Amino acid sequence: MSIDNQIQVVLIDDDPHLRQALCQTLDLAGLKVLTLGEATGLTARLSRDWPGVVVSDIRMPGMDGLELLAELHGQDPELPVLLITGHGDVPLAVQAMRAGAYDFLEKPFASDALLDSVRRALALRRLVLDNRSLRLALSDRQQLSTRLVGHSPQMLRLREQIGALAATKADVLILGETGAGKEVVARALHDLSSRRSGPFVAINAGALAESVVESELFGHEPGAFTGAQKRRIGKFEFANGGTLFLDEIESMSLDVQVKLLRLLQERVVERLGGNQLIPLDIRIIAATKEDLRQSADQGRFRADLYYRLNVAPLRIPPLRERGEDALMLFQHFADEASSRHGLPLHELQPGQRALLLRHSWPGNVRELQNAAERFALGLELALDNTPDNPSAGVLTSTPGGLSEQVEQFEKSLIAAELTRPHSSMRSLAEALGVPRKTLHDKLRKHGLNFANQSSDDE
């Protein structure tokens, strides 16, 4: 059993009378003390962030104080360990100080000497843990910035929300369009939480056949249904001690939603065909691309499950709302791809930047990453032109000299303007600020077409 973080001092001595006297001294000073008669097994009971100090005799049967010091510092070199020595053990105590002991007290010692040393050690321990917490917070922020790239106000807010929620035990509902990065956010919540050492289990409910979804999630016992020849541990049980990410939750049947609601409320799971309730220590992160409130109003999603999940919602902004984040992400993915393929890095040119900013990215980050990969490979990439995405264009890497880059810039600007509605060539030429004859020549040179010519162009 681990030692409670409320304990401030662990006192170890094989002499019961001395142990009782020292415990009384510490207790009267308002310190919470745990006394032990031997040191064996102590290290396994202390977490690395335990906020207390250890006071131990050197001469003890079994594990002695020096062995204990070495074992404790193998787990946490900054844990204060105070050693109690007899008169003949002073050389050993000096050796222990060189090995990292915080202090040593030679018997007999005054109560005030023990209290003074313990209090100083506790103050040092608090400082060490505060510094660790600060370093971890800084590391977490850096980790989020590399996972969730962007400087837009929406992404800054999202990273703040993730940092705040990660430290809690709350289940989370992630809202976001296809390709927006819902699993990336879920993994960040897990990795920045106290559950980071536990499993992260991701499952897409929409990808599971209805006939196997219950068995996959909740598990089953032998004979639970035809073909169930042996026990299967479900995803919820497998994620015990960690986090389960359940994507496309809107695709779950109403029957499965009932079981999920019970699991969320009671934190137990019952395998199909079984009678045993298995307690779970688990965090659920659900994700959806739909409006679950609307689905609940239409009877396609249970309202009680919606309200249970919607306690801590996180909305991932679509890429079209994030402004120049698209440029930063595109260059980030392109650089990664160039490095992976051993190709030279390409910088985006002004015309290409304009094209990327005008694109609506219906596939969000996933679509952008694919576009960046093709750009890094030097392949021509035509961005989709659909009714929902009128900002189509052609994007290619441009490693050439200045003249080639100018040509590419000119082509990109004309291609971008061609996506706008123009009733005539004259209208298009005026928008670009060039004579119609010059525009005709440039369209021919770049292989571009204007399909809406009218009689005013004659």
Protein backbone atom coordinates (compact mmCIF):
# COMPACT_ATOMS: atom_id res chain seq x y z
CA MET A 1 0.00 0.00 0.00
CA SER A 2 1.39 3.42 -0.98
CA ILE A 3 2.11 6.02 1.67
CA ASP A 4 -0.40 8.86 1.82
CA ASN A 5 0.80 12.27 0.70
CA GLN A 6 -0.44 13.71 4.00
CA ILE A 7 2.43 11.91 5.78
CA GLN A 8 5.31 14.37 6.21
CA VAL A 9 7.89 12.16 7.93
CA VAL A 10 8.63 8.44 7.66
CA LEU A 11 10.60 7.42 10.76
CA ILE A 12 12.47 4.10 10.70
CA ASP A 13 14.21 2.59 13.72
CA ASP A 14 14.32 -0.96 15.04
CA ASP A 15 14.36 0.28 18.67
CA PRO A 16 10.65 0.58 19.62
CA HIS A 17 11.34 2.90 22.61
CA LEU A 18 13.42 5.36 20.62
CA ARG A 19 10.94 5.16 17.75
CA GLN A 20 8.08 6.05 20.08
CA ALA A 21 9.97 8.94 21.67
CA LEU A 22 10.98 10.46 18.35
CA CYS A 23 7.49 10.04 16.97
CA GLN A 24 6.07 11.89 19.98
CA THR A 25 8.52 14.76 19.44
CA LEU A 26 7.54 15.12 15.81
CA ASP A 27 3.84 14.69 16.53
CA LEU A 28 3.86 17.43 19.21
CA ALA A 29 5.42 19.75 16.62
CA GLY A 30 2.37 19.23 14.39
CA LEU A 31 4.02 16.89 11.91
CA LYS A 32 2.24 13.81 10.54
CA VAL A 33 4.48 10.79 11.08
CA LEU A 34 4.52 7.16 9.95
CA THR A 35 6.79 4.90 12.04
CA LEU A 36 8.35 1.67 10.77
CA GLY A 37 10.54 -0.93 12.43
CA GLU A 38 12.39 -1.86 9.23
CA ALA A 39 13.32 -0.30 5.92
CA THR A 40 12.59 -3.18 3.54
CA GLY A 41 9.87 -2.37 1.01
CA LEU A 42 9.70 1.37 1.76
CA THR A 43 10.86 2.56 -1.66
CA ALA A 44 8.01 0.79 -3.45
CA ARG A 45 5.52 2.60 -1.21
CA LEU A 46 6.78 6.11 -1.98
CA SER A 47 5.82 7.92 -5.17
CA ARG A 48 8.41 10.14 -6.82
CA ASP A 49 6.33 13.18 -5.88
CA TRP A 50 5.79 12.24 -2.24
CA PRO A 51 6.15 15.57 -0.35
CA GLY A 52 7.85 14.30 2.82
CA VAL A 53 11.24 13.31 4.24
CA VAL A 54 12.71 10.07 5.59
CA VAL A 55 14.44 9.76 8.98
CA SER A 56 16.26 6.45 9.44
CA ASP A 57 18.71 4.78 11.77
CA ILE A 58 21.86 3.46 10.12
CA ARG A 59 22.32 0.24 12.11
CA MET A 60 19.28 -2.00 11.54
CA PRO A 61 18.74 -5.70 10.76
CA GLY A 62 17.87 -6.44 7.15
CA MET A 63 18.25 -3.31 5.05
CA ASP A 64 20.39 -0.73 6.86
CA GLY A 65 20.24 3.05 6.49
CA LEU A 66 22.96 3.27 3.84
CA GLU A 67 21.29 0.65 1.67
CA LEU A 68 17.99 2.44 2.12
CA LEU A 69 19.57 5.76 1.08
CA ALA A 70 20.96 4.21 -2.10
CA GLU A 71 17.63 2.61 -2.98
CA LEU A 72 15.56 5.75 -2.29
CA HIS A 73 17.91 7.93 -4.32
CA GLY A 74 17.80 5.43 -7.15
CA GLN A 75 14.12 6.36 -7.44
CA ASP A 76 14.38 10.05 -6.52
CA PRO A 77 17.85 11.57 -5.97
CA GLU A 78 16.26 14.73 -4.51
CA LEU A 79 14.39 13.03 -1.65
CA PRO A 80 15.79 14.28 1.71
CA VAL A 81 17.03 11.40 3.89
CA LEU A 82 18.19 12.11 7.48
CA LEU A 83 20.31 9.44 9.17
CA ILE A 84 20.61 8.69 12.89
CA THR A 85 24.00 7.39 14.01
CA GLY A 86 25.60 5.98 17.10
CA HIS A 87 28.93 7.43 18.27
CA GLY A 88 30.93 4.78 16.44
CA ASP A 89 29.03 5.33 13.19
CA VAL A 90 30.17 8.89 12.49
CA PRO A 91 32.57 7.81 9.69
CA LEU A 92 29.66 5.96 8.09
CA ALA A 93 27.49 9.05 8.40
CA VAL A 94 30.15 11.16 6.70
CA GLN A 95 30.26 8.58 3.94
CA ALA A 96 26.46 8.81 3.67
CA MET A 97 26.58 12.60 3.38
CA ARG A 98 28.96 12.24 0.47
CA ALA A 99 26.49 9.76 -1.02
CA GLY A 100 23.68 12.33 -0.83
CA ALA A 101 22.16 12.12 2.67
CA TYR A 102 20.59 15.43 3.72
CA ASP A 103 21.86 15.37 7.33
CA PHE A 104 22.89 13.07 10.15
CA LEU A 105 22.23 13.23 13.88
CA GLU A 106 24.57 11.59 16.38
CA LYS A 107 22.97 9.95 19.41
CA PRO A 108 22.10 11.30 21.86
CA PHE A 109 20.66 14.41 20.21
CA ALA A 110 18.28 17.12 21.41
CA SER A 111 14.68 17.17 20.22
CA ASP A 112 15.18 20.68 18.82
CA ALA A 113 18.04 19.43 16.64
CA LEU A 114 15.77 16.78 15.09
CA LEU A 115 12.92 19.26 14.55
CA ASP A 116 15.22 21.87 13.01
CA SER A 117 16.71 19.38 10.55
CA VAL A 118 13.31 17.91 9.60
CA ARG A 119 11.76 21.34 9.02
CA ARG A 120 14.64 22.48 6.82
CA ALA A 121 14.42 19.23 4.86
CA LEU A 122 10.65 19.69 4.37
CA ALA A 123 11.18 23.25 3.11
CA LEU A 124 13.75 21.97 0.62
CA ARG A 125 11.38 19.21 -0.48
CA ARG A 126 8.60 21.73 -1.15
CA LEU A 127 10.96 23.84 -3.24
CA VAL A 128 12.11 20.81 -5.25
CA LEU A 129 8.53 19.71 -5.98
CA ASP A 130 7.45 23.26 -6.88
CA ASN A 131 10.34 23.47 -9.37
CA ARG A 132 9.40 20.10 -10.83
CA SER A 133 5.81 21.20 -11.21
CA LEU A 134 6.93 24.38 -12.98
CA ARG A 135 9.24 22.47 -15.32
CA LEU A 136 6.44 20.01 -16.09
CA ALA A 137 4.00 22.83 -16.82
CA LEU A 138 6.52 24.47 -19.18
CA SER A 139 7.20 21.13 -20.84
CA ASP A 140 3.46 20.51 -21.23
CA ARG A 141 2.94 23.88 -22.89
CA GLN A 142 5.84 23.22 -25.28
CA GLN A 143 4.44 19.77 -26.01
CA LEU A 144 1.03 21.22 -26.81
CA SER A 145 2.57 23.86 -29.09
CA THR A 146 4.32 21.18 -31.16
CA ARG A 147 1.24 18.94 -31.33
CA LEU A 148 -1.35 21.66 -31.91
CA VAL A 149 0.48 24.09 -34.18
CA GLY A 150 -0.89 27.60 -34.55
CA HIS A 151 -0.92 31.11 -33.11
CA SER A 152 -4.53 32.04 -33.84
CA PRO A 153 -6.65 33.10 -30.84
CA GLN A 154 -8.77 29.97 -31.34
CA MET A 155 -5.78 27.65 -30.98
CA LEU A 156 -4.34 29.56 -28.04
CA ARG A 157 -7.69 29.17 -26.31
CA LEU A 158 -7.87 25.46 -27.18
CA ARG A 159 -4.41 24.81 -25.72
CA GLU A 160 -5.40 26.64 -22.53
CA GLN A 161 -8.54 24.53 -22.24
CA ILE A 162 -6.61 21.29 -22.79
CA GLY A 163 -4.05 22.26 -20.15
CA ALA A 164 -6.79 23.03 -17.64
CA LEU A 165 -8.87 19.90 -18.32
CA ALA A 166 -5.93 17.49 -18.51
CA ALA A 167 -5.26 17.90 -14.79
CA THR A 168 -8.85 16.96 -13.85
CA LYS A 169 -10.68 13.64 -13.76
CA ALA A 170 -13.55 14.92 -15.91
CA ASP A 171 -14.72 13.03 -18.98
CA VAL A 172 -14.46 15.18 -22.11
CA LEU A 173 -16.53 15.59 -25.27
CA ILE A 174 -14.51 16.78 -28.29
CA LEU A 175 -16.44 18.53 -31.05
CA GLY A 176 -14.85 18.93 -34.45
CA GLU A 177 -15.22 18.43 -38.18
CA THR A 178 -13.66 15.53 -40.06
CA GLY A 179 -9.89 15.87 -40.13
CA ALA A 180 -9.76 18.62 -37.49
CA GLY A 181 -7.50 16.60 -35.14
CA LYS A 182 -9.83 15.09 -32.54
CA GLU A 183 -7.53 12.15 -31.74
CA VAL A 184 -4.54 14.51 -31.44
CA VAL A 185 -6.45 16.49 -28.80
CA ALA A 186 -7.51 13.30 -27.00
CA ARG A 187 -3.91 12.04 -26.84
CA ALA A 188 -2.76 15.41 -25.52
CA LEU A 189 -5.36 15.26 -22.74
CA HIS A 190 -4.10 11.80 -21.80
CA ASP A 191 -0.38 12.56 -22.03
CA LEU A 192 -0.67 15.70 -19.90
CA SER A 193 -2.76 13.99 -17.22
CA SER A 194 -1.85 11.92 -14.17
CA ARG A 195 -2.92 8.89 -16.26
CA ARG A 196 -0.05 9.30 -18.72
CA SER A 197 1.60 6.08 -17.53
CA GLY A 198 -1.63 4.13 -18.14
CA PRO A 199 -2.95 2.89 -21.48
CA PHE A 200 -4.47 5.15 -24.14
CA VAL A 201 -7.01 3.11 -26.11
CA ALA A 202 -8.56 4.66 -29.23
CA ILE A 203 -11.57 3.16 -30.97
CA ASN A 204 -13.72 4.46 -33.83
CA ALA A 205 -17.31 3.47 -33.14
CA GLY A 206 -18.28 4.27 -36.72
CA ALA A 207 -15.83 1.70 -38.05
CA LEU A 208 -17.29 -1.20 -36.02
CA ALA A 209 -19.98 -3.48 -37.37
CA GLU A 210 -23.10 -3.34 -35.22
CA SER A 211 -22.84 -7.09 -34.61
CA VAL A 212 -19.47 -6.78 -32.83
CA VAL A 213 -19.55 -3.33 -31.23
CA GLU A 214 -20.79 -4.51 -27.80
CA SER A 215 -18.27 -7.34 -27.63
CA GLU A 216 -15.49 -5.00 -28.75
CA LEU A 217 -16.32 -2.38 -26.13
CA PHE A 218 -17.54 -4.42 -23.16
CA GLY A 219 -15.95 -7.83 -23.77
CA HIS A 220 -17.64 -11.21 -23.46
CA GLU A 221 -17.51 -14.53 -21.61
CA PRO A 222 -17.23 -17.94 -23.32
CA GLY A 223 -20.60 -18.99 -24.74
CA ALA A 224 -22.07 -15.48 -24.60
CA PHE A 225 -23.11 -15.90 -28.25
CA THR A 226 -22.44 -18.22 -31.16
CA GLY A 227 -18.72 -18.29 -31.85
CA ALA A 228 -17.69 -16.90 -28.46
CA GLN A 229 -15.35 -19.74 -27.52
CA LYS A 230 -13.17 -17.89 -25.02
CA ARG A 231 -13.21 -14.82 -22.83
CA ARG A 232 -12.53 -11.46 -24.50
CA ILE A 233 -11.45 -8.37 -22.60
CA GLY A 234 -13.27 -5.33 -23.98
CA LYS A 235 -11.75 -1.96 -24.78
CA PHE A 236 -13.16 -0.30 -21.65
CA GLU A 237 -11.63 -2.94 -19.38
CA PHE A 238 -8.37 -2.90 -21.34
CA ALA A 239 -8.13 0.87 -20.77
CA ASN A 240 -8.44 0.47 -16.98
CA GLY A 241 -6.08 2.87 -15.26
CA GLY A 242 -5.84 5.03 -18.36
CA THR A 243 -7.96 6.74 -21.01
CA LEU A 244 -10.39 5.45 -23.62
CA PHE A 245 -10.98 7.63 -26.69
CA LEU A 246 -14.29 6.87 -28.39
CA ASP A 247 -14.54 8.60 -31.77
CA GLU A 248 -17.73 9.02 -33.83
CA ILE A 249 -19.86 8.39 -30.79
CA GLU A 250 -22.90 9.56 -32.74
CA SER A 251 -22.82 6.29 -34.71
CA MET A 252 -23.50 4.11 -31.64
CA SER A 253 -26.89 2.40 -31.45
CA LEU A 254 -29.35 3.45 -28.74
CA ASP A 255 -28.89 0.08 -26.98
CA VAL A 256 -25.13 0.57 -26.73
CA GLN A 257 -25.68 4.15 -25.59
CA VAL A 258 -27.68 2.83 -22.60
CA LYS A 259 -24.75 0.64 -21.55
CA LEU A 260 -22.28 3.47 -22.02
CA LEU A 261 -24.41 5.76 -19.84
CA ARG A 262 -24.39 3.16 -17.06
CA LEU A 263 -20.63 2.77 -17.35
CA LEU A 264 -20.13 6.53 -17.11
CA GLN A 265 -22.36 6.82 -14.06
CA GLU A 266 -21.25 3.74 -12.10
CA ARG A 267 -17.70 3.17 -13.41
CA VAL A 268 -18.26 -0.58 -13.76
CA VAL A 269 -18.37 -2.85 -16.80
CA GLU A 270 -20.13 -6.20 -17.24
CA ARG A 271 -18.92 -8.50 -20.00
CA LEU A 272 -21.54 -9.97 -22.34
CA GLY A 273 -22.73 -13.28 -20.88
CA GLY A 274 -21.20 -12.48 -17.48
CA ASN A 275 -22.62 -11.58 -14.08
CA GLN A 276 -19.61 -9.92 -12.51
CA LEU A 277 -19.41 -6.14 -12.27
CA ILE A 278 -15.81 -5.11 -12.88
CA PRO A 279 -14.84 -1.74 -11.33
CA LEU A 280 -13.05 0.67 -13.66
CA ASP A 281 -10.65 3.52 -13.05
CA ILE A 282 -10.96 5.10 -16.46
CA ARG A 283 -11.37 8.42 -18.22
CA ILE A 284 -13.67 8.59 -21.21
CA ILE A 285 -12.97 11.04 -24.02
CA ALA A 286 -15.72 10.98 -26.64
CA ALA A 287 -15.66 12.77 -29.98
CA THR A 288 -18.23 13.67 -32.60
CA LYS A 289 -18.51 15.64 -35.82
CA GLU A 290 -22.27 16.09 -35.38
CA ASP A 291 -24.47 18.33 -33.24
CA LEU A 292 -25.44 15.82 -30.53
CA ARG A 293 -28.04 18.17 -29.07
CA GLN A 294 -29.83 18.22 -32.42
CA SER A 295 -29.44 14.43 -32.69
CA ALA A 296 -30.98 14.07 -29.23
CA ASP A 297 -33.90 16.31 -30.19
CA GLN A 298 -34.46 14.09 -33.24
CA GLY A 299 -34.36 10.91 -31.12
CA ARG A 300 -31.14 9.60 -32.72
CA PHE A 301 -29.04 10.10 -29.58
CA ARG A 302 -30.01 9.68 -25.94
CA ALA A 303 -30.54 13.06 -24.27
CA ASP A 304 -29.37 11.78 -20.86
CA LEU A 305 -26.11 10.53 -22.40
CA TYR A 306 -25.64 13.84 -24.20
CA TYR A 307 -25.99 15.81 -20.97
CA ARG A 308 -23.67 13.37 -19.17
CA LEU A 309 -20.98 13.79 -21.84
CA ASN A 310 -21.39 17.52 -22.37
CA VAL A 311 -20.04 18.52 -18.93
CA ALA A 312 -16.61 19.38 -20.35
CA PRO A 313 -16.89 20.06 -24.10
CA LEU A 314 -13.88 21.02 -26.23
CA ARG A 315 -14.50 22.51 -29.69
CA ILE A 316 -11.71 22.23 -32.25
CA PRO A 317 -11.97 25.18 -34.65
CA PRO A 318 -12.03 24.23 -38.35
CA LEU A 319 -9.00 25.28 -40.34
CA ARG A 320 -10.93 27.91 -42.29
CA GLU A 321 -11.44 29.85 -39.01
CA ARG A 322 -7.75 29.85 -38.08
CA GLY A 323 -6.33 32.36 -40.55
CA GLU A 324 -2.58 32.12 -41.08
CA ASP A 325 -2.36 28.94 -39.00
CA ALA A 326 -2.92 27.20 -42.35
CA LEU A 327 0.37 28.59 -43.64
CA MET A 328 2.26 27.61 -40.49
CA LEU A 329 0.82 24.10 -40.53
CA PHE A 330 1.44 23.66 -44.25
CA GLN A 331 5.11 24.62 -43.96
CA HIS A 332 5.45 22.43 -40.84
CA PHE A 333 4.07 19.35 -42.64
CA ALA A 334 5.99 20.11 -45.83
CA ASP A 335 9.27 20.40 -43.92
CA GLU A 336 8.56 17.12 -42.13
CA ALA A 337 7.85 15.38 -45.43
CA SER A 338 10.95 16.85 -47.08
CA SER A 339 13.10 15.59 -44.21
CA ARG A 340 11.46 12.16 -44.29
CA HIS A 341 12.01 11.76 -48.04
CA GLY A 342 15.49 13.30 -48.04
CA LEU A 343 14.42 16.16 -50.31
CA PRO A 344 15.38 19.85 -50.19
CA LEU A 345 13.05 22.17 -48.30
CA HIS A 346 10.73 24.42 -50.31
CA GLU A 347 9.49 27.78 -49.10
CA LEU A 348 6.01 28.94 -49.96
CA GLN A 349 5.89 31.80 -52.46
CA PRO A 350 3.50 34.78 -52.11
CA GLY A 351 1.04 33.48 -54.69
CA GLN A 352 0.98 30.06 -53.08
CA ARG A 353 0.42 31.59 -49.66
CA ALA A 354 -2.53 33.54 -51.04
CA LEU A 355 -3.98 30.37 -52.54
CA LEU A 356 -3.67 28.47 -49.27
CA LEU A 357 -5.32 31.29 -47.33
CA ARG A 358 -8.24 31.42 -49.77
CA HIS A 359 -8.88 27.68 -49.65
CA SER A 360 -11.68 26.59 -47.31
CA TRP A 361 -10.09 23.21 -46.39
CA PRO A 362 -13.20 21.03 -46.10
CA GLY A 363 -10.96 18.17 -44.97
CA ASN A 364 -9.25 20.42 -42.40
CA VAL A 365 -5.77 19.48 -41.14
CA ARG A 366 -5.88 16.03 -42.72
CA GLU A 367 -6.46 17.55 -46.17
CA LEU A 368 -3.77 20.17 -45.58
CA GLN A 369 -1.23 17.54 -44.50
CA ASN A 370 -1.86 15.58 -47.68
CA ALA A 371 -1.43 18.74 -49.75
CA ALA A 372 1.83 19.55 -47.97
CA GLU A 373 3.16 16.05 -48.63
CA ARG A 374 2.51 16.40 -52.35
CA PHE A 375 4.08 19.87 -52.35
CA ALA A 376 7.22 18.50 -50.68
CA LEU A 377 7.43 15.79 -53.35
CA GLY A 378 7.30 18.44 -56.09
CA LEU A 379 3.95 17.17 -57.44
CA GLU A 380 1.36 19.49 -58.91
CA LEU A 381 -1.55 19.71 -56.54
CA ALA A 382 -4.97 20.92 -57.62
CA LEU A 383 -7.02 21.96 -54.60
CA ASP A 384 -10.60 20.79 -54.94
CA ASN A 385 -13.09 23.21 -56.46
CA THR A 386 -16.55 22.35 -55.12
CA PRO A 387 -19.67 24.44 -54.38
CA ASP A 388 -18.55 24.52 -50.76
CA ASN A 389 -14.96 25.20 -51.70
CA PRO A 390 -14.76 27.78 -54.53
CA SER A 391 -11.11 28.68 -53.85
CA ALA A 392 -9.54 26.05 -56.08
CA GLY A 393 -6.11 26.41 -57.58
CA VAL A 394 -2.91 24.68 -58.51
CA LEU A 395 -0.04 24.41 -56.05
CA THR A 396 3.46 23.23 -56.88
CA SER A 397 6.80 23.56 -55.16
CA THR A 398 9.02 26.21 -56.77
CA PRO A 399 12.72 25.59 -56.14
CA GLY A 400 13.77 27.60 -59.19
CA GLY A 401 15.28 31.08 -59.46
CA LEU A 402 13.65 34.48 -59.22
CA SER A 403 12.12 34.44 -62.71
CA GLU A 404 10.48 31.06 -62.12
CA GLN A 405 9.13 32.23 -58.79
CA VAL A 406 7.70 35.39 -60.39
CA GLU A 407 6.04 33.25 -63.08
CA GLN A 408 4.56 30.98 -60.43
CA PHE A 409 3.35 33.96 -58.41
CA GLU A 410 1.68 35.48 -61.49
CA LYS A 411 0.00 32.19 -62.40
CA SER A 412 -1.26 31.68 -58.86
CA LEU A 413 -2.75 35.18 -58.69
CA ILE A 414 -4.57 34.75 -62.00
CA ALA A 415 -5.76 31.25 -61.04
CA ALA A 416 -7.05 32.57 -57.73
CA GLU A 417 -8.93 35.43 -59.46
CA LEU A 418 -10.45 32.97 -61.95
CA THR A 419 -12.25 31.33 -59.02
CA ARG A 420 -14.19 34.53 -58.43
CA PRO A 421 -17.38 35.23 -60.41
CA HIS A 422 -16.67 37.42 -63.48
CA SER A 423 -19.19 38.08 -66.21
CA SER A 424 -16.60 38.96 -68.84
CA MET A 425 -12.94 39.07 -69.73
CA ARG A 426 -13.08 42.85 -69.25
CA SER A 427 -14.25 42.35 -65.64
CA LEU A 428 -11.44 39.86 -65.01
CA ALA A 429 -8.81 42.16 -66.57
CA GLU A 430 -10.00 45.12 -64.46
CA ALA A 431 -9.81 43.02 -61.28
CA LEU A 432 -6.22 42.05 -62.12
CA GLY A 433 -5.29 45.59 -63.27
CA VAL A 434 -4.03 44.59 -66.73
CA PRO A 435 -5.21 45.26 -70.33
CA ARG A 436 -7.38 42.57 -71.91
CA LYS A 437 -4.77 41.83 -74.58
CA THR A 438 -2.11 41.29 -71.88
CA LEU A 439 -4.52 39.07 -69.95
CA HIS A 440 -5.21 36.96 -73.07
CA ASP A 441 -1.48 36.44 -73.53
CA LYS A 442 -0.90 35.49 -69.92
CA LEU A 443 -3.81 33.04 -69.86
CA ARG A 444 -2.36 31.35 -72.95
CA LYS A 445 1.17 31.31 -71.48
CA HIS A 446 0.05 29.72 -68.21
CA GLY A 447 -2.43 27.30 -69.75
CA LEU A 448 -5.40 28.87 -67.97
CA ASN A 449 -8.91 29.27 -69.38
CA PHE A 450 -11.67 31.80 -68.84
CA ALA A 451 -14.97 30.11 -69.65
CA ASN A 452 -17.41 33.05 -69.29
CA GLN A 453 -16.47 35.33 -72.18
CA SER A 454 -19.27 37.57 -73.42
CA SER A 455 -19.75 39.92 -76.36
CA ASP A 456 -17.95 42.83 -74.72
CA ASP A 457 -14.69 40.99 -75.30
CA GLU A 458 -15.10 41.13 -79.09
